[in-house]
N, C-alpha and C. Protein backbone atom coordinates (compact mmCIF):
# COMPACT_ATOMS: atom_id res chain seq x y z
N MET A 1 5.77 147.43 145.84
CA MET A 1 5.77 146.52 146.96
C MET A 1 5.38 145.10 146.52
N LEU A 2 4.37 145.02 145.68
CA LEU A 2 3.90 143.72 145.19
C LEU A 2 5.00 143.00 144.42
N PHE A 3 5.69 143.75 143.59
CA PHE A 3 6.77 143.16 142.80
C PHE A 3 7.86 142.59 143.72
N ILE A 4 8.18 143.30 144.78
CA ILE A 4 9.21 142.85 145.72
C ILE A 4 8.78 141.56 146.41
N LYS A 5 7.52 141.50 146.86
CA LYS A 5 7.02 140.30 147.54
C LYS A 5 7.07 139.08 146.61
N LEU A 6 6.67 139.27 145.37
CA LEU A 6 6.68 138.14 144.43
C LEU A 6 8.11 137.76 144.05
N ALA A 7 8.99 138.74 144.00
CA ALA A 7 10.40 138.44 143.73
C ALA A 7 11.00 137.62 144.88
N GLU A 8 10.64 137.96 146.11
CA GLU A 8 11.10 137.18 147.26
C GLU A 8 10.57 135.75 147.19
N ARG A 9 9.32 135.61 146.81
CA ARG A 9 8.71 134.28 146.71
C ARG A 9 9.43 133.47 145.63
N LEU A 10 9.73 134.10 144.51
CA LEU A 10 10.43 133.43 143.43
C LEU A 10 11.81 132.96 143.90
N TYR A 11 12.50 133.81 144.62
CA TYR A 11 13.81 133.45 145.16
C TYR A 11 13.69 132.23 146.07
N ASP A 12 12.72 132.27 146.98
CA ASP A 12 12.53 131.15 147.91
C ASP A 12 12.21 129.85 147.17
N LEU A 13 11.38 129.92 146.17
CA LEU A 13 11.02 128.72 145.42
C LEU A 13 12.22 128.16 144.65
N ARG A 14 13.01 129.03 144.11
CA ARG A 14 14.18 128.58 143.34
C ARG A 14 15.25 127.96 144.23
N HIS A 15 15.20 128.26 145.51
CA HIS A 15 16.17 127.68 146.45
C HIS A 15 15.53 126.63 147.34
N ALA A 16 14.42 126.10 146.93
CA ALA A 16 13.66 125.13 147.73
C ALA A 16 14.47 123.87 148.04
N ALA A 17 15.34 123.49 147.16
CA ALA A 17 16.13 122.27 147.36
C ALA A 17 17.04 122.39 148.59
N ASP A 18 17.36 123.62 148.98
CA ASP A 18 18.24 123.85 150.13
C ASP A 18 17.50 123.85 151.46
N TYR A 19 16.18 123.90 151.43
CA TYR A 19 15.41 123.97 152.67
C TYR A 19 15.22 122.59 153.28
N ILE A 20 15.21 122.55 154.58
CA ILE A 20 15.11 121.30 155.33
C ILE A 20 13.65 120.84 155.43
N HIS A 21 12.75 121.76 155.66
CA HIS A 21 11.35 121.44 155.92
C HIS A 21 10.55 121.40 154.63
N ALA A 22 10.43 120.23 154.05
CA ALA A 22 9.73 120.07 152.78
C ALA A 22 8.25 120.44 152.89
N THR A 23 7.65 120.22 154.04
CA THR A 23 6.23 120.54 154.23
C THR A 23 5.98 122.03 154.03
N GLU A 24 6.86 122.85 154.55
CA GLU A 24 6.72 124.29 154.39
C GLU A 24 6.91 124.71 152.93
N VAL A 25 7.83 124.07 152.25
CA VAL A 25 8.06 124.38 150.84
C VAL A 25 6.84 123.99 150.01
N VAL A 26 6.26 122.84 150.30
CA VAL A 26 5.06 122.39 149.59
C VAL A 26 3.94 123.40 149.80
N HIS A 27 3.76 123.84 151.04
CA HIS A 27 2.72 124.83 151.33
C HIS A 27 2.98 126.13 150.56
N MET A 28 4.22 126.58 150.55
CA MET A 28 4.58 127.80 149.84
C MET A 28 4.33 127.66 148.35
N ALA A 29 4.68 126.53 147.78
CA ALA A 29 4.48 126.31 146.35
C ALA A 29 2.99 126.25 146.01
N GLN A 30 2.20 125.59 146.85
CA GLN A 30 0.76 125.51 146.61
C GLN A 30 0.12 126.89 146.73
N GLU A 31 0.55 127.65 147.70
CA GLU A 31 0.04 129.02 147.86
C GLU A 31 0.40 129.87 146.65
N THR A 32 1.60 129.68 146.15
CA THR A 32 2.03 130.43 144.97
C THR A 32 1.15 130.10 143.78
N LEU A 33 0.89 128.81 143.58
CA LEU A 33 0.07 128.39 142.45
C LEU A 33 -1.38 128.89 142.59
N ALA A 34 -1.88 128.91 143.81
CA ALA A 34 -3.28 129.29 144.03
C ALA A 34 -3.49 130.81 144.05
N ILE A 35 -2.50 131.55 144.54
CA ILE A 35 -2.72 132.99 144.75
C ILE A 35 -1.73 133.86 143.97
N ASP A 36 -0.45 133.65 144.22
CA ASP A 36 0.57 134.57 143.69
C ASP A 36 0.60 134.62 142.17
N VAL A 37 0.42 133.49 141.54
CA VAL A 37 0.44 133.45 140.07
C VAL A 37 -0.69 134.31 139.52
N GLN A 38 -1.87 134.19 140.10
CA GLN A 38 -3.01 134.98 139.64
C GLN A 38 -2.79 136.48 139.86
N ILE A 39 -2.19 136.82 141.00
CA ILE A 39 -1.89 138.23 141.28
C ILE A 39 -0.91 138.77 140.23
N ALA A 40 0.10 137.99 139.92
CA ALA A 40 1.08 138.42 138.93
C ALA A 40 0.44 138.61 137.56
N TYR A 41 -0.41 137.66 137.16
CA TYR A 41 -1.09 137.79 135.86
C TYR A 41 -1.99 139.02 135.83
N THR A 42 -2.67 139.29 136.92
CA THR A 42 -3.65 140.38 136.96
C THR A 42 -3.00 141.76 137.08
N TYR A 43 -2.04 141.89 137.98
CA TYR A 43 -1.53 143.21 138.31
C TYR A 43 -0.14 143.53 137.77
N LEU A 44 0.60 142.53 137.37
CA LEU A 44 1.96 142.80 136.90
C LEU A 44 2.11 142.40 135.44
N ASP A 45 2.72 141.27 135.20
CA ASP A 45 3.02 140.85 133.83
C ASP A 45 2.81 139.34 133.74
N PRO A 46 2.18 138.87 132.67
CA PRO A 46 2.00 137.42 132.52
C PRO A 46 3.31 136.64 132.58
N ALA A 47 4.39 137.23 132.13
CA ALA A 47 5.69 136.55 132.17
C ALA A 47 6.11 136.28 133.61
N ILE A 48 5.78 137.20 134.51
CA ILE A 48 6.11 137.00 135.93
C ILE A 48 5.26 135.87 136.48
N GLY A 49 3.99 135.85 136.12
CA GLY A 49 3.11 134.76 136.56
C GLY A 49 3.59 133.42 136.06
N HIS A 50 4.01 133.38 134.82
CA HIS A 50 4.50 132.13 134.23
C HIS A 50 5.78 131.67 134.95
N THR A 51 6.67 132.59 135.24
CA THR A 51 7.91 132.26 135.92
C THR A 51 7.64 131.73 137.34
N LEU A 52 6.71 132.37 138.04
CA LEU A 52 6.34 131.90 139.37
C LEU A 52 5.74 130.50 139.31
N LYS A 53 4.90 130.28 138.33
CA LYS A 53 4.26 128.97 138.17
C LYS A 53 5.30 127.88 137.94
N GLU A 54 6.25 128.14 137.06
CA GLU A 54 7.31 127.16 136.79
C GLU A 54 8.15 126.89 138.03
N ALA A 55 8.48 127.94 138.78
CA ALA A 55 9.29 127.77 139.99
C ALA A 55 8.53 126.97 141.04
N ALA A 56 7.24 127.22 141.19
CA ALA A 56 6.44 126.48 142.16
C ALA A 56 6.34 125.00 141.77
N GLN A 57 6.13 124.74 140.51
CA GLN A 57 6.05 123.35 140.05
C GLN A 57 7.38 122.64 140.25
N GLN A 58 8.47 123.32 139.99
CA GLN A 58 9.79 122.72 140.18
C GLN A 58 10.04 122.45 141.66
N ALA A 59 9.64 123.37 142.53
CA ALA A 59 9.81 123.16 143.97
C ALA A 59 9.02 121.95 144.44
N LEU A 60 7.82 121.77 143.91
CA LEU A 60 7.02 120.59 144.27
C LEU A 60 7.71 119.30 143.81
N LYS A 61 8.32 119.34 142.64
CA LYS A 61 9.06 118.16 142.16
C LYS A 61 10.23 117.84 143.08
N VAL A 62 10.94 118.86 143.51
CA VAL A 62 12.08 118.66 144.41
C VAL A 62 11.60 118.04 145.71
N CYS A 63 10.50 118.54 146.25
CA CYS A 63 9.97 118.00 147.51
C CYS A 63 9.53 116.56 147.33
N ASN A 64 8.91 116.25 146.21
CA ASN A 64 8.49 114.87 145.96
C ASN A 64 9.70 113.95 145.86
N LEU A 65 10.76 114.41 145.23
CA LEU A 65 11.98 113.60 145.14
C LEU A 65 12.58 113.37 146.52
N LYS A 66 12.60 114.40 147.34
CA LYS A 66 13.15 114.27 148.70
C LYS A 66 12.32 113.27 149.51
N GLU A 67 11.00 113.32 149.38
CA GLU A 67 10.13 112.38 150.09
C GLU A 67 10.37 110.96 149.60
N THR A 68 10.52 110.80 148.30
CA THR A 68 10.77 109.48 147.74
C THR A 68 12.09 108.93 148.23
N GLU A 69 13.13 109.76 148.20
CA GLU A 69 14.45 109.32 148.67
C GLU A 69 14.42 109.01 150.16
N GLY A 70 13.68 109.81 150.94
CA GLY A 70 13.57 109.57 152.37
C GLY A 70 12.86 108.26 152.67
N ALA A 71 11.86 107.93 151.88
CA ALA A 71 11.12 106.67 152.07
C ALA A 71 12.01 105.48 151.71
N LYS A 72 12.86 105.63 150.72
CA LYS A 72 13.76 104.54 150.32
C LYS A 72 14.82 104.27 151.39
N GLN A 73 15.23 105.32 152.10
CA GLN A 73 16.27 105.15 153.12
C GLN A 73 15.74 104.49 154.38
N LYS A 74 14.44 104.54 154.58
CA LYS A 74 13.85 103.94 155.80
C LYS A 74 13.70 102.49 155.70
């Protein structure tokens, strides 16, 4: 069950660029970095934790770019 939940989170993070609500994506990425990565390292495999961490960081970059572009358009 844990593996499935983290796989869903990874999927969501990798598709963050397609989501409209950047605030929700930022929250999801921060939650992943604070909680999910540690769970993966502890109970599953460090490689899964590392992959989740990279996906969360990339999602945050995408959100920051969207915010920057939105500010430029205003």
